[in-house]
All heavy atoms as atom14 arrays in JSON, in Angstrom:
{
  "sequence": "SAADLRIDPTRSRAEFAVRLLWVSTVSGSFEGIRGDLSIDREARTAV",
  "atom14_mask": [
    [1, 1, 1, 1, 1, 1, 0, 0, 0, 0, 0, 0, 0, 0],
    [1, 1, 1, 1, 1, 0, 0, 0, 0, 0, 0, 0, 0, 0],
    [1, 1, 1, 1, 1, 0, 0, 0, 0, 0, 0, 0, 0, 0],
    [1, 1, 1, 1, 1, 1, 1, 1, 0, 0, 0, 0, 0, 0],
    [1, 1, 1, 1, 1, 1, 1, 1, 0, 0, 0, 0, 0, 0],
    [1, 1, 1, 1, 1, 1, 1, 1, 1, 1, 1, 0, 0, 0],
    [1, 1, 1, 1, 1, 1, 1, 1, 0, 0, 0, 0, 0, 0],
    [1, 1, 1, 1, 1, 1, 1, 1, 0, 0, 0, 0, 0, 0],
    [1, 1, 1, 1, 1, 1, 1, 0, 0, 0, 0, 0, 0, 0],
    [1, 1, 1, 1, 1, 1, 1, 0, 0, 0, 0, 0, 0, 0],
    [1, 1, 1, 1, 1, 1, 1, 1, 1, 1, 1, 0, 0, 0],
    [1, 1, 1, 1, 1, 1, 0, 0, 0, 0, 0, 0, 0, 0],
    [1, 1, 1, 1, 1, 1, 1, 1, 1, 1, 1, 0, 0, 0],
    [1, 1, 1, 1, 1, 0, 0, 0, 0, 0, 0, 0, 0, 0],
    [1, 1, 1, 1, 1, 1, 1, 1, 1, 0, 0, 0, 0, 0],
    [1, 1, 1, 1, 1, 1, 1, 1, 1, 1, 1, 0, 0, 0],
    [1, 1, 1, 1, 1, 0, 0, 0, 0, 0, 0, 0, 0, 0],
    [1, 1, 1, 1, 1, 1, 1, 0, 0, 0, 0, 0, 0, 0],
    [1, 1, 1, 1, 1, 1, 1, 1, 1, 1, 1, 0, 0, 0],
    [1, 1, 1, 1, 1, 1, 1, 1, 0, 0, 0, 0, 0, 0],
    [1, 1, 1, 1, 1, 1, 1, 1, 0, 0, 0, 0, 0, 0],
    [1, 1, 1, 1, 1, 1, 1, 1, 1, 1, 1, 1, 1, 1],
    [1, 1, 1, 1, 1, 1, 1, 0, 0, 0, 0, 0, 0, 0],
    [1, 1, 1, 1, 1, 1, 0, 0, 0, 0, 0, 0, 0, 0],
    [1, 1, 1, 1, 1, 1, 1, 0, 0, 0, 0, 0, 0, 0],
    [1, 1, 1, 1, 1, 1, 1, 0, 0, 0, 0, 0, 0, 0],
    [1, 1, 1, 1, 1, 1, 0, 0, 0, 0, 0, 0, 0, 0],
    [1, 1, 1, 1, 0, 0, 0, 0, 0, 0, 0, 0, 0, 0],
    [1, 1, 1, 1, 1, 1, 0, 0, 0, 0, 0, 0, 0, 0],
    [1, 1, 1, 1, 1, 1, 1, 1, 1, 1, 1, 0, 0, 0],
    [1, 1, 1, 1, 1, 1, 1, 1, 1, 0, 0, 0, 0, 0],
    [1, 1, 1, 1, 0, 0, 0, 0, 0, 0, 0, 0, 0, 0],
    [1, 1, 1, 1, 1, 1, 1, 1, 0, 0, 0, 0, 0, 0],
    [1, 1, 1, 1, 1, 1, 1, 1, 1, 1, 1, 0, 0, 0],
    [1, 1, 1, 1, 0, 0, 0, 0, 0, 0, 0, 0, 0, 0],
    [1, 1, 1, 1, 1, 1, 1, 1, 0, 0, 0, 0, 0, 0],
    [1, 1, 1, 1, 1, 1, 1, 1, 0, 0, 0, 0, 0, 0],
    [1, 1, 1, 1, 1, 1, 0, 0, 0, 0, 0, 0, 0, 0],
    [1, 1, 1, 1, 1, 1, 1, 1, 0, 0, 0, 0, 0, 0],
    [1, 1, 1, 1, 1, 1, 1, 1, 0, 0, 0, 0, 0, 0],
    [1, 1, 1, 1, 1, 1, 1, 1, 1, 1, 1, 0, 0, 0],
    [1, 1, 1, 1, 1, 1, 1, 1, 1, 0, 0, 0, 0, 0],
    [1, 1, 1, 1, 1, 0, 0, 0, 0, 0, 0, 0, 0, 0],
    [1, 1, 1, 1, 1, 1, 1, 1, 1, 1, 1, 0, 0, 0],
    [1, 1, 1, 1, 1, 1, 1, 0, 0, 0, 0, 0, 0, 0],
    [1, 1, 1, 1, 1, 0, 0, 0, 0, 0, 0, 0, 0, 0],
    [1, 1, 1, 1, 1, 1, 1, 0, 0, 0, 0, 0, 0, 0]
  ],
  "atom14_positions": [
    [[20.65, 7.16, 11.49], [19.74, 6.56, 12.46], [18.36, 6.3, 11.87], [17.61, 5.49, 12.39], [19.61, 7.47, 13.7], [18.96, 8.67, 13.34], [0.0, 0.0, 0.0], [0.0, 0.0, 0.0], [0.0, 0.0, 0.0], [0.0, 0.0, 0.0], [0.0, 0.0, 0.0], [0.0, 0.0, 0.0], [0.0, 0.0, 0.0], [0.0, 0.0, 0.0]],
    [[18.02, 6.95, 10.77], [16.74, 6.72, 10.13], [16.94, 5.71, 9.01], [17.81, 5.87, 8.17], [16.18, 8.02, 9.56], [0.0, 0.0, 0.0], [0.0, 0.0, 0.0], [0.0, 0.0, 0.0], [0.0, 0.0, 0.0], [0.0, 0.0, 0.0], [0.0, 0.0, 0.0], [0.0, 0.0, 0.0], [0.0, 0.0, 0.0], [0.0, 0.0, 0.0]],
    [[16.19, 4.64, 9.03], [16.28, 3.61, 8.0], [15.05, 3.7, 7.12], [14.03, 3.11, 7.41], [16.41, 2.24, 8.64], [0.0, 0.0, 0.0], [0.0, 0.0, 0.0], [0.0, 0.0, 0.0], [0.0, 0.0, 0.0], [0.0, 0.0, 0.0], [0.0, 0.0, 0.0], [0.0, 0.0, 0.0], [0.0, 0.0, 0.0], [0.0, 0.0, 0.0]],
    [[15.14, 4.47, 6.08], [14.01, 4.64, 5.17], [14.01, 3.53, 4.13], [15.04, 3.22, 3.55], [14.07, 6.0, 4.47], [13.89, 7.14, 5.46], [13.14, 6.99, 6.42], [14.52, 8.19, 5.25], [0.0, 0.0, 0.0], [0.0, 0.0, 0.0], [0.0, 0.0, 0.0], [0.0, 0.0, 0.0], [0.0, 0.0, 0.0], [0.0, 0.0, 0.0]],
    [[12.85, 2.95, 3.93], [12.66, 1.94, 2.9], [11.63, 2.46, 1.91], [10.81, 3.3, 2.26], [12.18, 0.63, 3.53], [13.13, 0.0, 4.53], [12.45, -1.15, 5.26], [14.39, -0.5, 3.84], [0.0, 0.0, 0.0], [0.0, 0.0, 0.0], [0.0, 0.0, 0.0], [0.0, 0.0, 0.0], [0.0, 0.0, 0.0], [0.0, 0.0, 0.0]],
    [[11.68, 1.95, 0.71], [10.7, 2.37, -0.28], [9.73, 1.23, -0.57], [10.05, 0.06, -0.32], [11.37, 2.83, -1.57], [12.0, 1.71, -2.36], [12.56, 2.18, -3.69], [13.17, 1.07, -4.39], [12.55, 0.29, -5.28], [11.3, 0.53, -5.58], [13.18, -0.7, -5.86], [0.0, 0.0, 0.0], [0.0, 0.0, 0.0], [0.0, 0.0, 0.0]],
    [[8.59, 1.57, -1.09], [7.65, 0.57, -1.57], [8.1, 0.17, -2.96], [8.27, 1.02, -3.83], [6.21, 1.12, -1.59], [5.74, 1.4, -0.16], [5.27, 0.16, -2.31], [4.39, 2.09, -0.07], [0.0, 0.0, 0.0], [0.0, 0.0, 0.0], [0.0, 0.0, 0.0], [0.0, 0.0, 0.0], [0.0, 0.0, 0.0], [0.0, 0.0, 0.0]],
    [[8.34, -1.11, -3.16], [8.76, -1.6, -4.47], [7.55, -1.6, -5.4], [6.63, -2.4, -5.22], [9.33, -3.01, -4.34], [9.85, -3.57, -5.64], [9.48, -3.06, -6.72], [10.63, -4.53, -5.58], [0.0, 0.0, 0.0], [0.0, 0.0, 0.0], [0.0, 0.0, 0.0], [0.0, 0.0, 0.0], [0.0, 0.0, 0.0], [0.0, 0.0, 0.0]],
    [[7.51, -0.7, -6.39], [6.33, -0.58, -7.24], [6.09, -1.78, -8.15], [4.97, -2.02, -8.58], [6.59, 0.69, -8.06], [8.06, 0.87, -8.03], [8.55, 0.26, -6.76], [0.0, 0.0, 0.0], [0.0, 0.0, 0.0], [0.0, 0.0, 0.0], [0.0, 0.0, 0.0], [0.0, 0.0, 0.0], [0.0, 0.0, 0.0], [0.0, 0.0, 0.0]],
    [[7.14, -2.56, -8.44], [6.96, -3.7, -9.34], [6.39, -4.92, -8.61], [5.76, -5.77, -9.24], [8.28, -4.09, -10.02], [9.24, -4.43, -9.01], [8.81, -2.95, -10.87], [0.0, 0.0, 0.0], [0.0, 0.0, 0.0], [0.0, 0.0, 0.0], [0.0, 0.0, 0.0], [0.0, 0.0, 0.0], [0.0, 0.0, 0.0], [0.0, 0.0, 0.0]],
    [[6.59, -5.01, -7.31], [6.11, -6.17, -6.56], [4.96, -5.86, -5.62], [4.42, -6.76, -4.99], [7.27, -6.79, -5.76], [8.38, -7.3, -6.67], [9.43, -8.05, -5.9], [10.11, -7.19, -4.93], [10.81, -7.62, -3.89], [10.91, -8.91, -3.67], [11.39, -6.77, -3.09], [0.0, 0.0, 0.0], [0.0, 0.0, 0.0], [0.0, 0.0, 0.0]],
    [[4.54, -4.6, -5.54], [3.44, -4.21, -4.65], [2.16, -4.06, -5.45], [2.19, -3.85, -6.66], [3.78, -2.89, -3.96], [4.97, -3.01, -3.21], [0.0, 0.0, 0.0], [0.0, 0.0, 0.0], [0.0, 0.0, 0.0], [0.0, 0.0, 0.0], [0.0, 0.0, 0.0], [0.0, 0.0, 0.0], [0.0, 0.0, 0.0], [0.0, 0.0, 0.0]],
    [[1.04, -4.17, -4.76], [-0.24, -3.99, -5.43], [-1.27, -3.43, -4.46], [-1.13, -3.54, -3.24], [-0.73, -5.29, -6.05], [-1.19, -6.32, -5.03], [-1.7, -7.59, -5.69], [-2.36, -8.44, -4.73], [-1.78, -9.14, -3.78], [-0.48, -9.08, -3.63], [-2.48, -9.89, -2.95], [0.0, 0.0, 0.0], [0.0, 0.0, 0.0], [0.0, 0.0, 0.0]],
    [[-2.3, -2.85, -5.03], [-3.43, -2.36, -4.25], [-4.7, -2.72, -5.01], [-4.71, -2.74, -6.24], [-3.34, -0.85, -4.05], [0.0, 0.0, 0.0], [0.0, 0.0, 0.0], [0.0, 0.0, 0.0], [0.0, 0.0, 0.0], [0.0, 0.0, 0.0], [0.0, 0.0, 0.0], [0.0, 0.0, 0.0], [0.0, 0.0, 0.0], [0.0, 0.0, 0.0]],
    [[-5.76, -3.03, -4.28], [-7.01, -3.46, -4.89], [-8.18, -2.79, -4.21], [-8.08, -2.37, -3.05], [-7.15, -4.98, -4.78], [-6.03, -5.74, -5.43], [-6.05, -7.23, -5.15], [-6.64, -7.65, -4.13], [-5.47, -7.96, -5.95], [0.0, 0.0, 0.0], [0.0, 0.0, 0.0], [0.0, 0.0, 0.0], [0.0, 0.0, 0.0], [0.0, 0.0, 0.0]],
    [[-9.3, -2.73, -4.93], [-10.54, -2.26, -4.34], [-11.66, -3.16, -4.84], [-11.57, -3.8, -5.89], [-10.82, -0.8, -4.69], [-11.47, -0.61, -6.03], [-12.85, -0.51, -6.14], [-10.71, -0.55, -7.17], [-13.45, -0.36, -7.38], [-11.3, -0.39, -8.41], [-12.68, -0.3, -8.52], [0.0, 0.0, 0.0], [0.0, 0.0, 0.0], [0.0, 0.0, 0.0]],
    [[-12.74, -3.21, -4.08], [-13.94, -3.98, -4.46], [-15.16, -3.3, -3.85], [-15.12, -2.84, -2.71], [-13.83, -5.42, -3.98], [0.0, 0.0, 0.0], [0.0, 0.0, 0.0], [0.0, 0.0, 0.0], [0.0, 0.0, 0.0], [0.0, 0.0, 0.0], [0.0, 0.0, 0.0], [0.0, 0.0, 0.0], [0.0, 0.0, 0.0], [0.0, 0.0, 0.0]],
    [[-16.23, -3.23, -4.64], [-17.49, -2.64, -4.18], [-18.63, -3.5, -4.74], [-18.56, -3.97, -5.87], [-17.61, -1.15, -4.61], [-17.58, -0.98, -6.1], [-18.84, -0.5, -4.0], [0.0, 0.0, 0.0], [0.0, 0.0, 0.0], [0.0, 0.0, 0.0], [0.0, 0.0, 0.0], [0.0, 0.0, 0.0], [0.0, 0.0, 0.0], [0.0, 0.0, 0.0]],
    [[-19.65, -3.73, -3.91], [-20.8, -4.55, -4.32], [-21.69, -3.77, -5.28], [-22.0, -2.61, -5.05], [-21.61, -4.99, -3.11], [-20.84, -5.81, -2.1], [-20.64, -7.22, -2.47], [-21.9, -7.91, -2.55], [-22.05, -9.1, -3.08], [-21.01, -9.73, -3.56], [-23.21, -9.67, -3.13], [0.0, 0.0, 0.0], [0.0, 0.0, 0.0], [0.0, 0.0, 0.0]],
    [[-22.13, -4.44, -6.33], [-23.04, -3.88, -7.32], [-24.34, -4.65, -7.27], [-24.34, -5.88, -7.43], [-22.41, -3.96, -8.72], [-23.24, -3.49, -9.89], [-23.54, -2.0, -9.77], [-22.53, -3.78, -11.2], [0.0, 0.0, 0.0], [0.0, 0.0, 0.0], [0.0, 0.0, 0.0], [0.0, 0.0, 0.0], [0.0, 0.0, 0.0], [0.0, 0.0, 0.0]],
    [[-25.44, -3.95, -7.02], [-26.77, -4.56, -6.95], [-26.83, -5.72, -5.94], [-27.61, -6.64, -6.1], [-27.23, -5.03, -8.33], [-27.42, -3.94, -9.36], [-27.72, -4.54, -10.73], [-28.55, -2.99, -8.96], [0.0, 0.0, 0.0], [0.0, 0.0, 0.0], [0.0, 0.0, 0.0], [0.0, 0.0, 0.0], [0.0, 0.0, 0.0], [0.0, 0.0, 0.0]],
    [[-25.99, -5.72, -4.96], [-25.95, -6.71, -3.89], [-25.82, -8.14, -4.4], [-26.06, -9.1, -3.71], [-27.19, -6.56, -2.98], [-27.2, -5.22, -2.36], [-26.58, -4.85, -1.21], [-27.81, -4.04, -2.87], [-26.77, -3.52, -0.98], [-27.53, -2.99, -1.97], [-28.56, -3.75, -4.0], [-27.97, -1.7, -2.17], [-29.01, -2.45, -4.18], [-28.71, -1.46, -3.27]],
    [[-25.44, -8.29, -5.67], [-25.31, -9.6, -6.27], [-23.89, -9.85, -6.75], [-23.32, -10.91, -6.53], [-26.29, -9.77, -7.46], [-26.11, -11.11, -8.14], [-27.72, -9.58, -6.99], [0.0, 0.0, 0.0], [0.0, 0.0, 0.0], [0.0, 0.0, 0.0], [0.0, 0.0, 0.0], [0.0, 0.0, 0.0], [0.0, 0.0, 0.0], [0.0, 0.0, 0.0]],
    [[-23.31, -8.87, -7.41], [-21.96, -9.04, -7.95], [-21.02, -8.0, -7.34], [-21.45, -7.11, -6.62], [-21.97, -8.91, -9.49], [-22.35, -7.6, -9.85], [0.0, 0.0, 0.0], [0.0, 0.0, 0.0], [0.0, 0.0, 0.0], [0.0, 0.0, 0.0], [0.0, 0.0, 0.0], [0.0, 0.0, 0.0], [0.0, 0.0, 0.0], [0.0, 0.0, 0.0]],
    [[-19.76, -8.14, -7.64], [-18.74, -7.23, -7.11], [-17.96, -6.62, -8.26], [-17.55, -7.33, -9.19], [-17.78, -8.01, -6.18], [-18.53, -8.58, -5.12], [-16.72, -7.09, -5.6], [0.0, 0.0, 0.0], [0.0, 0.0, 0.0], [0.0, 0.0, 0.0], [0.0, 0.0, 0.0], [0.0, 0.0, 0.0], [0.0, 0.0, 0.0], [0.0, 0.0, 0.0]],
    [[-17.76, -5.31, -8.19], [-16.89, -4.61, -9.13], [-15.55, -4.47, -8.42], [-15.49, -3.98, -7.3], [-17.46, -3.21, -9.48], [-16.48, -2.43, -10.33], [-18.81, -3.34, -10.17], [0.0, 0.0, 0.0], [0.0, 0.0, 0.0], [0.0, 0.0, 0.0], [0.0, 0.0, 0.0], [0.0, 0.0, 0.0], [0.0, 0.0, 0.0], [0.0, 0.0, 0.0]],
    [[-14.48, -4.92, -9.08], [-13.17, -4.84, -8.44], [-12.12, -4.44, -9.45], [-12.31, -4.57, -10.66], [-12.8, -6.18, -7.79], [-12.73, -7.19, -8.77], [0.0, 0.0, 0.0], [0.0, 0.0, 0.0], [0.0, 0.0, 0.0], [0.0, 0.0, 0.0], [0.0, 0.0, 0.0], [0.0, 0.0, 0.0], [0.0, 0.0, 0.0], [0.0, 0.0, 0.0]],
    [[-11.02, -3.95, -8.93], [-9.91, -3.56, -9.78], [-8.63, -3.52, -8.97], [-8.65, -3.58, -7.74], [0.0, 0.0, 0.0], [0.0, 0.0, 0.0], [0.0, 0.0, 0.0], [0.0, 0.0, 0.0], [0.0, 0.0, 0.0], [0.0, 0.0, 0.0], [0.0, 0.0, 0.0], [0.0, 0.0, 0.0], [0.0, 0.0, 0.0], [0.0, 0.0, 0.0]],
    [[-7.52, -3.43, -9.69], [-6.23, -3.33, -9.0], [-5.44, -2.17, -9.6], [-5.55, -1.87, -10.78], [-5.44, -4.64, -9.14], [-5.17, -4.9, -10.49], [0.0, 0.0, 0.0], [0.0, 0.0, 0.0], [0.0, 0.0, 0.0], [0.0, 0.0, 0.0], [0.0, 0.0, 0.0], [0.0, 0.0, 0.0], [0.0, 0.0, 0.0], [0.0, 0.0, 0.0]],
    [[-4.66, -1.55, -8.75], [-3.82, -0.42, -9.15], [-2.42, -0.94, -9.42], [-1.81, -1.56, -8.56], [-3.77, 0.63, -8.04], [-5.09, 1.27, -7.73], [-5.91, 0.74, -6.76], [-5.5, 2.4, -8.41], [-7.13, 1.33, -6.46], [-6.71, 2.99, -8.13], [-7.53, 2.46, -7.15], [0.0, 0.0, 0.0], [0.0, 0.0, 0.0], [0.0, 0.0, 0.0]],
    [[-1.92, -0.67, -10.6], [-0.55, -1.06, -10.93], [0.46, 0.0, -10.53], [1.64, -0.3, -10.38], [-0.44, -1.38, -12.42], [-1.2, -2.63, -12.79], [-1.03, -3.01, -14.24], [-0.31, -2.32, -14.99], [-1.63, -4.02, -14.63], [0.0, 0.0, 0.0], [0.0, 0.0, 0.0], [0.0, 0.0, 0.0], [0.0, 0.0, 0.0], [0.0, 0.0, 0.0]],
    [[0.02, 1.23, -10.36], [0.92, 2.33, -9.99], [0.83, 2.6, -8.5], [-0.02, 3.35, -8.04], [0.0, 0.0, 0.0], [0.0, 0.0, 0.0], [0.0, 0.0, 0.0], [0.0, 0.0, 0.0], [0.0, 0.0, 0.0], [0.0, 0.0, 0.0], [0.0, 0.0, 0.0], [0.0, 0.0, 0.0], [0.0, 0.0, 0.0], [0.0, 0.0, 0.0]],
    [[1.68, 1.95, -7.74], [1.75, 2.18, -6.3], [3.2, 2.47, -5.94], [4.11, 1.82, -6.44], [1.19, 0.98, -5.49], [1.27, 1.24, -3.99], [1.89, -0.31, -5.86], [0.55, 0.21, -3.14], [0.0, 0.0, 0.0], [0.0, 0.0, 0.0], [0.0, 0.0, 0.0], [0.0, 0.0, 0.0], [0.0, 0.0, 0.0], [0.0, 0.0, 0.0]],
    [[3.39, 3.46, -5.11], [4.74, 3.82, -4.67], [4.63, 4.46, -3.29], [3.55, 4.74, -2.81], [5.42, 4.74, -5.67], [4.75, 6.08, -5.84], [5.37, 6.88, -6.98], [4.76, 8.17, -7.11], [3.56, 8.41, -7.59], [2.81, 7.43, -8.0], [3.08, 9.62, -7.67], [0.0, 0.0, 0.0], [0.0, 0.0, 0.0], [0.0, 0.0, 0.0]],
    [[5.75, 4.71, -2.7], [5.77, 5.34, -1.38], [6.97, 4.89, -0.59], [7.95, 4.4, -1.15], [0.0, 0.0, 0.0], [0.0, 0.0, 0.0], [0.0, 0.0, 0.0], [0.0, 0.0, 0.0], [0.0, 0.0, 0.0], [0.0, 0.0, 0.0], [0.0, 0.0, 0.0], [0.0, 0.0, 0.0], [0.0, 0.0, 0.0], [0.0, 0.0, 0.0]],
    [[6.86, 5.03, 0.73], [8.0, 4.69, 1.57], [7.56, 4.36, 2.99], [6.41, 4.57, 3.36], [9.02, 5.83, 1.58], [8.4, 7.17, 1.95], [7.81, 7.28, 3.05], [8.5, 8.1, 1.14], [0.0, 0.0, 0.0], [0.0, 0.0, 0.0], [0.0, 0.0, 0.0], [0.0, 0.0, 0.0], [0.0, 0.0, 0.0], [0.0, 0.0, 0.0]],
    [[8.5, 3.84, 3.74], [8.33, 3.57, 5.16], [9.5, 4.26, 5.84], [10.66, 3.94, 5.56], [8.35, 2.07, 5.44], [8.17, 1.72, 6.91], [6.95, 0.82, 7.08], [9.4, 1.04, 7.45], [0.0, 0.0, 0.0], [0.0, 0.0, 0.0], [0.0, 0.0, 0.0], [0.0, 0.0, 0.0], [0.0, 0.0, 0.0], [0.0, 0.0, 0.0]],
    [[9.2, 5.24, 6.68], [10.23, 5.97, 7.41], [10.28, 5.46, 8.84], [9.24, 5.38, 9.5], [9.92, 7.47, 7.42], [9.88, 7.95, 6.1], [0.0, 0.0, 0.0], [0.0, 0.0, 0.0], [0.0, 0.0, 0.0], [0.0, 0.0, 0.0], [0.0, 0.0, 0.0], [0.0, 0.0, 0.0], [0.0, 0.0, 0.0], [0.0, 0.0, 0.0]],
    [[11.46, 5.13, 9.3], [11.63, 4.56, 10.63], [12.32, 5.56, 11.53], [13.34, 6.13, 11.16], [12.44, 3.25, 10.57], [11.69, 2.22, 9.74], [12.72, 2.72, 11.97], [12.48, 0.96, 9.48], [0.0, 0.0, 0.0], [0.0, 0.0, 0.0], [0.0, 0.0, 0.0], [0.0, 0.0, 0.0], [0.0, 0.0, 0.0], [0.0, 0.0, 0.0]],
    [[11.76, 5.75, 12.7], [12.4, 6.54, 13.75], [12.94, 5.53, 14.76], [12.19, 5.0, 15.58], [11.39, 7.49, 14.4], [12.0, 8.38, 15.47], [13.05, 8.0, 16.04], [11.41, 9.43, 15.76], [0.0, 0.0, 0.0], [0.0, 0.0, 0.0], [0.0, 0.0, 0.0], [0.0, 0.0, 0.0], [0.0, 0.0, 0.0], [0.0, 0.0, 0.0]],
    [[14.22, 5.21, 14.65], [14.83, 4.18, 15.5], [14.78, 4.56, 16.98], [14.61, 3.69, 17.83], [16.28, 3.93, 15.07], [16.36, 3.36, 13.68], [16.82, 1.93, 13.73], [16.94, 1.41, 12.38], [16.23, 0.4, 11.92], [15.37, -0.2, 12.69], [16.4, -0.03, 10.69], [0.0, 0.0, 0.0], [0.0, 0.0, 0.0], [0.0, 0.0, 0.0]],
    [[14.94, 5.83, 17.26], [14.94, 6.27, 18.65], [13.57, 6.05, 19.3], [13.47, 5.55, 20.4], [15.34, 7.74, 18.73], [15.69, 8.19, 20.13], [16.3, 9.58, 20.1], [17.33, 9.76, 19.43], [15.74, 10.46, 20.77], [0.0, 0.0, 0.0], [0.0, 0.0, 0.0], [0.0, 0.0, 0.0], [0.0, 0.0, 0.0], [0.0, 0.0, 0.0]],
    [[12.51, 6.41, 18.59], [11.15, 6.26, 19.12], [10.61, 4.85, 18.86], [9.57, 4.48, 19.39], [10.21, 7.28, 18.49], [0.0, 0.0, 0.0], [0.0, 0.0, 0.0], [0.0, 0.0, 0.0], [0.0, 0.0, 0.0], [0.0, 0.0, 0.0], [0.0, 0.0, 0.0], [0.0, 0.0, 0.0], [0.0, 0.0, 0.0], [0.0, 0.0, 0.0]],
    [[11.31, 4.04, 18.03], [10.88, 2.69, 17.65], [9.5, 2.71, 17.0], [8.64, 1.91, 17.31], [10.95, 1.72, 18.82], [12.32, 1.65, 19.44], [12.95, 0.33, 19.7], [12.36, -0.91, 19.3], [12.76, -1.63, 18.24], [13.71, -1.18, 17.47], [12.21, -2.78, 17.96], [0.0, 0.0, 0.0], [0.0, 0.0, 0.0], [0.0, 0.0, 0.0]],
    [[9.34, 3.69, 16.07], [8.09, 3.82, 15.33], [8.38, 3.91, 13.83], [9.53, 4.13, 13.43], [7.29, 5.07, 15.75], [8.08, 6.24, 15.5], [6.88, 5.01, 17.22], [0.0, 0.0, 0.0], [0.0, 0.0, 0.0], [0.0, 0.0, 0.0], [0.0, 0.0, 0.0], [0.0, 0.0, 0.0], [0.0, 0.0, 0.0], [0.0, 0.0, 0.0]],
    [[7.34, 3.75, 13.05], [7.45, 3.87, 11.6], [6.23, 4.58, 11.06], [5.15, 4.54, 11.67], [7.59, 2.5, 10.95], [0.0, 0.0, 0.0], [0.0, 0.0, 0.0], [0.0, 0.0, 0.0], [0.0, 0.0, 0.0], [0.0, 0.0, 0.0], [0.0, 0.0, 0.0], [0.0, 0.0, 0.0], [0.0, 0.0, 0.0], [0.0, 0.0, 0.0]],
    [[6.39, 5.22, 9.91], [5.29, 5.86, 9.2], [5.29, 5.31, 7.78], [6.32, 5.32, 7.11], [5.43, 7.4, 9.18], [4.38, 8.04, 8.28], [5.35, 7.95, 10.59], [0.0, 0.0, 0.0], [0.0, 0.0, 0.0], [0.0, 0.0, 0.0], [0.0, 0.0, 0.0], [0.0, 0.0, 0.0], [0.0, 0.0, 0.0], [0.0, 0.0, 0.0]]
  ]
}
């Protein structure tokens, strides 16, 4: 009844950006992202 899915680390990405001196932006991306999505079919919710 639980349909767990995983985060595909090769096709997923995460990024951040922060302003530096209110003129430029420092940004980067994380290549190492993983995790999952757990579904509770009875409650119709996911985490």
